Amino acid sequence: MIIKVRVIPNSKRNDVVSRIGSILRVKIAAPAVEGKANEELCEYLSDFFDVSRSHVLLRKGERGREKTIEIIGRTEEELEEVLDTIP
């Protein structure tokens, strides 16, 4: 499954803030320096979607706040169920 993510770095804690259409807004505690926020985002999303870290792939947006993430290892239905829990 491909998802779009809007990252808010330098937050107090990691958290999925909201879902606007197909875009997730995610707060990440790491600063946007030297890929730290990207790595922490992928680790957080692997926990959030309950998949291995190697199943969360950053496809686009390495340097911007808008990112395209691919999540593999679970069915589309399982991932949609997780997304439906987001207010």
C-alpha atoms as a PDB file:
ATOM      1  CA  MET A   1       0.000   0.000   0.000  1.00  0.00           C
ATOM      2  CA  ILE A   2       1.204   3.486  -0.839  1.00  0.00           C
ATOM      3  CA  ILE A   3       0.392   6.299   1.582  1.00  0.00           C
ATOM      4  CA  LYS A   4       1.159  10.012   1.562  1.00  0.00           C
ATOM      5  CA  VAL A   5       2.555  11.453   4.778  1.00  0.00           C
ATOM      6  CA  ARG A   6       2.970  15.058   5.907  1.00  0.00           C
ATOM      7  CA  VAL A   7       5.730  15.104   8.548  1.00  0.00           C
ATOM      8  CA  ILE A   8       5.956  17.583  11.418  1.00  0.00           C
ATOM      9  CA  PRO A   9       9.526  17.230  12.793  1.00  0.00           C
ATOM     10  CA  ASN A  10      10.869  18.402  16.183  1.00  0.00           C
ATOM     11  CA  SER A  11       7.696  17.483  18.043  1.00  0.00           C
ATOM     12  CA  LYS A  12       7.588  16.427  21.670  1.00  0.00           C
ATOM     13  CA  ARG A  13       6.638  12.859  20.748  1.00  0.00           C
ATOM     14  CA  ASN A  14       5.846  10.659  17.770  1.00  0.00           C
ATOM     15  CA  ASP A  15       2.144  10.607  16.950  1.00  0.00           C
ATOM     16  CA  VAL A  16      -0.305  10.335  14.075  1.00  0.00           C
ATOM     17  CA  VAL A  17      -2.175  13.629  14.314  1.00  0.00           C
ATOM     18  CA  SER A  18      -4.868  13.188  11.704  1.00  0.00           C
ATOM     19  CA  ARG A  19      -5.866  11.846   8.344  1.00  0.00           C
ATOM     20  CA  ILE A  20      -7.009  14.276   5.681  1.00  0.00           C
ATOM     21  CA  GLY A  21      -8.296  12.205   2.783  1.00  0.00           C
ATOM     22  CA  SER A  22      -5.413   9.926   1.878  1.00  0.00           C
ATOM     23  CA  ILE A  23      -2.721  12.034   3.603  1.00  0.00           C
ATOM     24  CA  LEU A  24      -1.520  11.210   7.127  1.00  0.00           C
ATOM     25  CA  ARG A  25      -0.192  14.010   9.318  1.00  0.00           C
ATOM     26  CA  VAL A  26       2.517  12.571  11.584  1.00  0.00           C
ATOM     27  CA  LYS A  27       4.502  14.297  14.332  1.00  0.00           C
ATOM     28  CA  ILE A  28       8.070  13.051  14.728  1.00  0.00           C
ATOM     29  CA  ALA A  29      10.344  13.895  17.664  1.00  0.00           C
ATOM     30  CA  ALA A  30      13.570  13.768  15.648  1.00  0.00           C
ATOM     31  CA  PRO A  31      14.911  16.888  13.934  1.00  0.00           C
ATOM     32  CA  ALA A  32      14.893  17.149  10.151  1.00  0.00           C
ATOM     33  CA  VAL A  33      18.684  16.840   9.975  1.00  0.00           C
ATOM     34  CA  GLU A  34      20.767  14.200   8.192  1.00  0.00           C
ATOM     35  CA  GLY A  35      17.803  11.873   7.622  1.00  0.00           C
ATOM     36  CA  LYS A  36      17.045  11.439  11.330  1.00  0.00           C
ATOM     37  CA  ALA A  37      13.368  12.369  10.950  1.00  0.00           C
ATOM     38  CA  ASN A  38      13.002  10.040   7.948  1.00  0.00           C
ATOM     39  CA  GLU A  39      14.465   7.107   9.856  1.00  0.00           C
ATOM     40  CA  GLU A  40      12.350   7.775  12.933  1.00  0.00           C
ATOM     41  CA  LEU A  41       9.257   8.158  10.737  1.00  0.00           C
ATOM     42  CA  CYS A  42       9.838   4.756   9.144  1.00  0.00           C
ATOM     43  CA  GLU A  43      10.441   3.149  12.539  1.00  0.00           C
ATOM     44  CA  TYR A  44       7.308   4.749  13.975  1.00  0.00           C
ATOM     45  CA  LEU A  45       5.160   3.702  11.002  1.00  0.00           C
ATOM     46  CA  SER A  46       6.467   0.136  11.250  1.00  0.00           C
ATOM     47  CA  ASP A  47       5.225   0.028  14.863  1.00  0.00           C
ATOM     48  CA  PHE A  48       1.971   1.798  13.975  1.00  0.00           C
ATOM     49  CA  PHE A  49       1.121  -0.626  11.166  1.00  0.00           C
ATOM     50  CA  ASP A  50       2.651  -3.617  13.008  1.00  0.00           C
ATOM     51  CA  VAL A  51       5.096  -4.573  10.258  1.00  0.00           C
ATOM     52  CA  SER A  52       8.834  -5.090  10.187  1.00  0.00           C
ATOM     53  CA  ARG A  53      10.975  -1.967   9.737  1.00  0.00           C
ATOM     54  CA  SER A  54      12.215  -3.396   6.425  1.00  0.00           C
ATOM     55  CA  HIS A  55       8.595  -3.375   5.168  1.00  0.00           C
ATOM     56  CA  VAL A  56       8.320   0.431   5.391  1.00  0.00           C
ATOM     57  CA  LEU A  57       9.945   2.061   2.375  1.00  0.00           C
ATOM     58  CA  LEU A  58      10.436   5.772   1.719  1.00  0.00           C
ATOM     59  CA  ARG A  59       9.686   6.135  -1.997  1.00  0.00           C
ATOM     60  CA  LYS A  60       9.579   9.938  -2.471  1.00  0.00           C
ATOM     61  CA  GLY A  61      10.182  13.073  -0.457  1.00  0.00           C
ATOM     62  CA  GLU A  62      13.451  12.390   1.289  1.00  0.00           C
ATOM     63  CA  ARG A  63      14.154  16.116   1.715  1.00  0.00           C
ATOM     64  CA  GLY A  64      10.634  17.526   1.991  1.00  0.00           C
ATOM     65  CA  ARG A  65       7.798  17.300   4.476  1.00  0.00           C
ATOM     66  CA  GLU A  66       5.511  15.550   1.985  1.00  0.00           C
ATOM     67  CA  LYS A  67       6.548  11.915   1.681  1.00  0.00           C
ATOM     68  CA  THR A  68       5.370   8.863  -0.207  1.00  0.00           C
ATOM     69  CA  ILE A  69       5.686   5.706   1.882  1.00  0.00           C
ATOM     70  CA  GLU A  70       5.155   2.135   0.725  1.00  0.00           C
ATOM     71  CA  ILE A  71       4.102  -0.425   3.318  1.00  0.00           C
ATOM     72  CA  ILE A  72       4.390  -4.102   2.477  1.00  0.00           C
ATOM     73  CA  GLY A  73       3.969  -7.278   4.511  1.00  0.00           C
ATOM     74  CA  ARG A  74       0.245  -6.958   5.240  1.00  0.00           C
ATOM     75  CA  THR A  75      -2.844  -7.029   3.050  1.00  0.00           C
ATOM     76  CA  GLU A  76      -4.513  -3.826   1.840  1.00  0.00           C
ATOM     77  CA  GLU A  77      -7.549  -4.652   3.993  1.00  0.00           C
ATOM     78  CA  GLU A  78      -5.451  -4.985   7.165  1.00  0.00           C
ATOM     79  CA  LEU A  79      -3.702  -1.679   6.490  1.00  0.00           C
ATOM     80  CA  GLU A  80      -7.021   0.053   5.718  1.00  0.00           C
ATOM     81  CA  GLU A  81      -8.374  -1.162   9.069  1.00  0.00           C
ATOM     82  CA  VAL A  82      -5.432   0.494  10.834  1.00  0.00           C
ATOM     83  CA  LEU A  83      -5.938   3.710   8.844  1.00  0.00           C
ATOM     84  CA  ASP A  84      -9.640   3.735   9.739  1.00  0.00           C
ATOM     85  CA  THR A  85      -8.727   4.042  13.433  1.00  0.00           C
ATOM     86  CA  ILE A  86      -7.249   7.512  12.798  1.00  0.00           C
ATOM     87  CA  PRO A  87      -9.675  10.379  13.560  1.00  0.00           C
END
